[in-house]
């Protein structure tokens, strides 16, 4: 039963995790909008979600174990490889954060995150209704 529930919620779990991570990345861009030489970062959500669902490792660097007593680990704990955002308008201090773009991306990502939560809530309510026989 647990595996069927895991399968039922796997997509939304992965999507919400990536949305939360993207929200952190976009918030960091906004927070550093006045930092000289800060480069805005982001990732392609659709491509990363597709790779995650396919089980592909998005981490190009993995640590190798040279002894059986070594603890397996990953080189990075980030769920997505971050890329630098293309600069739309150059600034004197070298900062590439465009607040209009960042705000738009932040609100769009927030909307998708809320939609995902609403979908999961509806799914849980329908499962509870089915279990209770209503």
C-alpha atoms as a PDB file:
ATOM      1  CA  UNK A   1       0.000   0.000   0.000  1.00  0.00           C
ATOM      2  CA  UNK A   2       2.800   2.382   0.837  1.00  0.00           C
ATOM      3  CA  UNK A   3       4.469   1.891  -2.524  1.00  0.00           C
ATOM      4  CA  UNK A   4       1.222   2.677  -4.347  1.00  0.00           C
ATOM      5  CA  UNK A   5       0.853   5.872  -2.319  1.00  0.00           C
ATOM      6  CA  UNK A   6       4.454   6.758  -3.047  1.00  0.00           C
ATOM      7  CA  UNK A   7       3.820   6.231  -6.745  1.00  0.00           C
ATOM      8  CA  UNK A   8       0.634   8.295  -6.611  1.00  0.00           C
ATOM      9  CA  UNK A   9       2.396  11.268  -5.062  1.00  0.00           C
ATOM     10  CA  UNK A  10       5.864  10.865  -6.563  1.00  0.00           C
ATOM     11  CA  UNK A  11       5.455  13.395  -9.365  1.00  0.00           C
ATOM     12  CA  UNK A  12       4.003  16.094  -7.141  1.00  0.00           C
ATOM     13  CA  UNK A  13       6.607  15.428  -4.452  1.00  0.00           C
ATOM     14  CA  UNK A  14       9.445  15.868  -6.938  1.00  0.00           C
ATOM     15  CA  UNK A  15       7.830  18.926  -8.516  1.00  0.00           C
ATOM     16  CA  UNK A  16       7.200  20.637  -5.165  1.00  0.00           C
ATOM     17  CA  UNK A  17      10.746  19.933  -4.017  1.00  0.00           C
ATOM     18  CA  UNK A  18      12.163  21.508  -7.162  1.00  0.00           C
ATOM     19  CA  UNK A  19       9.744  24.447  -6.926  1.00  0.00           C
ATOM     20  CA  UNK A  20      10.871  25.081  -3.338  1.00  0.00           C
ATOM     21  CA  UNK A  21      14.510  24.942  -4.375  1.00  0.00           C
ATOM     22  CA  UNK A  22      13.868  27.325  -7.292  1.00  0.00           C
ATOM     23  CA  UNK A  23      12.110  29.694  -4.899  1.00  0.00           C
ATOM     24  CA  UNK A  24      15.279  29.774  -2.774  1.00  0.00           C
ATOM     25  CA  UNK A  25      17.426  30.481  -5.833  1.00  0.00           C
ATOM     26  CA  UNK A  26      15.157  33.311  -6.989  1.00  0.00           C
ATOM     27  CA  UNK A  27      14.995  34.757  -3.466  1.00  0.00           C
ATOM     28  CA  UNK A  28      18.804  34.753  -3.357  1.00  0.00           C
ATOM     29  CA  UNK A  29      18.875  36.656  -6.641  1.00  0.00           C
ATOM     30  CA  UNK A  30      16.464  39.260  -5.270  1.00  0.00           C
ATOM     31  CA  UNK A  31      18.359  39.527  -1.978  1.00  0.00           C
ATOM     32  CA  UNK A  32      21.616  40.155  -3.855  1.00  0.00           C
ATOM     33  CA  UNK A  33      20.235  42.690  -6.306  1.00  0.00           C
ATOM     34  CA  UNK A  34      22.541  45.391  -4.894  1.00  0.00           C
ATOM     35  CA  UNK A  35      25.630  43.194  -4.486  1.00  0.00           C
ATOM     36  CA  UNK A  36      28.424  44.228  -6.870  1.00  0.00           C
ATOM     37  CA  UNK A  37      29.431  41.535  -9.394  1.00  0.00           C
ATOM     38  CA  UNK A  38      26.635  39.180  -8.302  1.00  0.00           C
ATOM     39  CA  UNK A  39      25.457  36.985 -11.168  1.00  0.00           C
ATOM     40  CA  UNK A  40      21.785  35.977 -11.220  1.00  0.00           C
ATOM     41  CA  UNK A  41      21.248  32.209 -11.298  1.00  0.00           C
ATOM     42  CA  UNK A  42      18.414  29.907 -12.218  1.00  0.00           C
ATOM     43  CA  UNK A  43      17.741  26.471 -13.716  1.00  0.00           C
ATOM     44  CA  UNK A  44      15.483  25.015 -16.378  1.00  0.00           C
ATOM     45  CA  UNK A  45      12.676  23.611 -14.255  1.00  0.00           C
ATOM     46  CA  UNK A  46      11.113  21.428 -16.952  1.00  0.00           C
ATOM     47  CA  UNK A  47      14.402  19.785 -17.930  1.00  0.00           C
ATOM     48  CA  UNK A  48      15.439  19.135 -14.324  1.00  0.00           C
ATOM     49  CA  UNK A  49      12.008  17.689 -13.458  1.00  0.00           C
ATOM     50  CA  UNK A  50      12.146  15.440 -16.512  1.00  0.00           C
ATOM     51  CA  UNK A  51      15.622  14.202 -15.542  1.00  0.00           C
ATOM     52  CA  UNK A  52      14.587  13.690 -11.931  1.00  0.00           C
ATOM     53  CA  UNK A  53      11.512  11.664 -12.875  1.00  0.00           C
ATOM     54  CA  UNK A  54      13.570   9.581 -15.302  1.00  0.00           C
ATOM     55  CA  UNK A  55      16.017   8.831 -12.485  1.00  0.00           C
ATOM     56  CA  UNK A  56      18.944  10.441 -14.237  1.00  0.00           C
ATOM     57  CA  UNK A  57      21.656  11.828 -12.023  1.00  0.00           C
ATOM     58  CA  UNK A  58      21.890  15.569 -12.630  1.00  0.00           C
ATOM     59  CA  UNK A  59      25.095  15.740 -10.594  1.00  0.00           C
ATOM     60  CA  UNK A  60      28.041  15.572 -13.034  1.00  0.00           C
ATOM     61  CA  UNK A  61      30.524  15.054 -10.197  1.00  0.00           C
ATOM     62  CA  UNK A  62      30.173  12.060  -7.971  1.00  0.00           C
ATOM     63  CA  UNK A  63      32.591  10.941  -5.326  1.00  0.00           C
ATOM     64  CA  UNK A  64      34.293   7.588  -5.760  1.00  0.00           C
ATOM     65  CA  UNK A  65      34.826   5.157  -2.918  1.00  0.00           C
ATOM     66  CA  UNK A  66      38.336   3.777  -2.526  1.00  0.00           C
ATOM     67  CA  UNK A  67      37.552   1.712   0.558  1.00  0.00           C
ATOM     68  CA  UNK A  68      34.579  -0.331   1.709  1.00  0.00           C
ATOM     69  CA  UNK A  69      34.552   1.718   4.914  1.00  0.00           C
ATOM     70  CA  UNK A  70      34.023   5.042   3.134  1.00  0.00           C
ATOM     71  CA  UNK A  71      30.626   6.647   3.406  1.00  0.00           C
ATOM     72  CA  UNK A  72      28.979   7.183   0.003  1.00  0.00           C
ATOM     73  CA  UNK A  73      28.228  10.834  -0.687  1.00  0.00           C
ATOM     74  CA  UNK A  74      27.456  13.255  -3.453  1.00  0.00           C
ATOM     75  CA  UNK A  75      29.653  16.155  -4.528  1.00  0.00           C
ATOM     76  CA  UNK A  76      26.764  18.583  -4.250  1.00  0.00           C
ATOM     77  CA  UNK A  77      23.511  18.550  -2.316  1.00  0.00           C
ATOM     78  CA  UNK A  78      21.659  20.715  -4.810  1.00  0.00           C
ATOM     79  CA  UNK A  79      18.811  19.071  -6.710  1.00  0.00           C
ATOM     80  CA  UNK A  80      19.573  21.042  -9.873  1.00  0.00           C
ATOM     81  CA  UNK A  81      22.628  22.386 -11.614  1.00  0.00           C
ATOM     82  CA  UNK A  82      22.418  26.161 -11.505  1.00  0.00           C
ATOM     83  CA  UNK A  83      23.153  28.259 -14.570  1.00  0.00           C
ATOM     84  CA  UNK A  84      23.804  31.954 -14.851  1.00  0.00           C
ATOM     85  CA  UNK A  85      20.922  34.006 -16.201  1.00  0.00           C
ATOM     86  CA  UNK A  86      21.574  35.886 -19.429  1.00  0.00           C
ATOM     87  CA  UNK A  87      22.193  39.556 -18.853  1.00  0.00           C
ATOM     88  CA  UNK A  88      19.486  41.757 -20.343  1.00  0.00           C
ATOM     89  CA  UNK A  89      20.940  45.112 -19.420  1.00  0.00           C
ATOM     90  CA  UNK A  90      24.458  45.705 -18.199  1.00  0.00           C
ATOM     91  CA  UNK A  91      25.074  47.532 -14.952  1.00  0.00           C
ATOM     92  CA  UNK A  92      28.071  49.542 -13.831  1.00  0.00           C
ATOM     93  CA  UNK A  93      28.758  47.337 -10.802  1.00  0.00           C
ATOM     94  CA  UNK A  94      28.629  44.049 -12.775  1.00  0.00           C
ATOM     95  CA  UNK A  95      25.423  42.806 -11.142  1.00  0.00           C
ATOM     96  CA  UNK A  96      23.177  40.864 -13.565  1.00  0.00           C
ATOM     97  CA  UNK A  97      19.999  40.785 -11.445  1.00  0.00           C
ATOM     98  CA  UNK A  98      17.042  42.358 -13.267  1.00  0.00           C
ATOM     99  CA  UNK A  99      14.412  42.915 -10.581  1.00  0.00           C
ATOM    100  CA  UNK A 100      11.510  42.872 -13.058  1.00  0.00           C
ATOM    101  CA  UNK A 101      12.534  39.446 -14.345  1.00  0.00           C
ATOM    102  CA  UNK A 102      13.226  38.111 -10.862  1.00  0.00           C
ATOM    103  CA  UNK A 103       9.892  39.318  -9.466  1.00  0.00           C
ATOM    104  CA  UNK A 104       8.006  37.826 -12.408  1.00  0.00           C
ATOM    105  CA  UNK A 105       9.809  34.487 -12.083  1.00  0.00           C
ATOM    106  CA  UNK A 106       9.328  34.499  -8.303  1.00  0.00           C
ATOM    107  CA  UNK A 107       5.571  35.114  -8.516  1.00  0.00           C
ATOM    108  CA  UNK A 108       5.127  32.574 -11.337  1.00  0.00           C
ATOM    109  CA  UNK A 109       7.015  29.939  -9.354  1.00  0.00           C
ATOM    110  CA  UNK A 110       4.949  30.762  -6.246  1.00  0.00           C
ATOM    111  CA  UNK A 111       1.744  30.313  -8.213  1.00  0.00           C
ATOM    112  CA  UNK A 112       2.859  26.911  -9.522  1.00  0.00           C
ATOM    113  CA  UNK A 113       3.919  25.875  -6.019  1.00  0.00           C
ATOM    114  CA  UNK A 114       0.515  26.809  -4.594  1.00  0.00           C
ATOM    115  CA  UNK A 115      -1.211  24.971  -7.451  1.00  0.00           C
ATOM    116  CA  UNK A 116       0.820  21.863  -6.655  1.00  0.00           C
ATOM    117  CA  UNK A 117      -0.165  22.074  -2.998  1.00  0.00           C
ATOM    118  CA  UNK A 118      -3.818  22.507  -3.957  1.00  0.00           C
ATOM    119  CA  UNK A 119      -3.609  19.461  -6.219  1.00  0.00           C
ATOM    120  CA  UNK A 120      -2.063  17.316  -3.481  1.00  0.00           C
ATOM    121  CA  UNK A 121      -4.649  18.499  -0.952  1.00  0.00           C
ATOM    122  CA  UNK A 122      -7.453  17.552  -3.322  1.00  0.00           C
ATOM    123  CA  UNK A 123      -5.894  14.171  -3.969  1.00  0.00           C
ATOM    124  CA  UNK A 124      -5.540  13.444  -0.249  1.00  0.00           C
ATOM    125  CA  UNK A 125      -9.160  14.494   0.364  1.00  0.00           C
ATOM    126  CA  UNK A 126     -10.387  12.200  -2.396  1.00  0.00           C
ATOM    127  CA  UNK A 127      -8.351   9.294  -0.986  1.00  0.00           C
ATOM    128  CA  UNK A 128      -9.744   9.934   2.491  1.00  0.00           C
ATOM    129  CA  UNK A 129     -13.233  10.071   1.053  1.00  0.00           C
ATOM    130  CA  UNK A 130     -12.681   6.735  -0.701  1.00  0.00           C
ATOM    131  CA  UNK A 131     -11.300   5.152   2.485  1.00  0.00           C
ATOM    132  CA  UNK A 132     -14.222   6.403   4.570  1.00  0.00           C
ATOM    133  CA  UNK A 133     -16.685   5.182   1.931  1.00  0.00           C
ATOM    134  CA  UNK A 134     -18.332   8.523   1.252  1.00  0.00           C
END
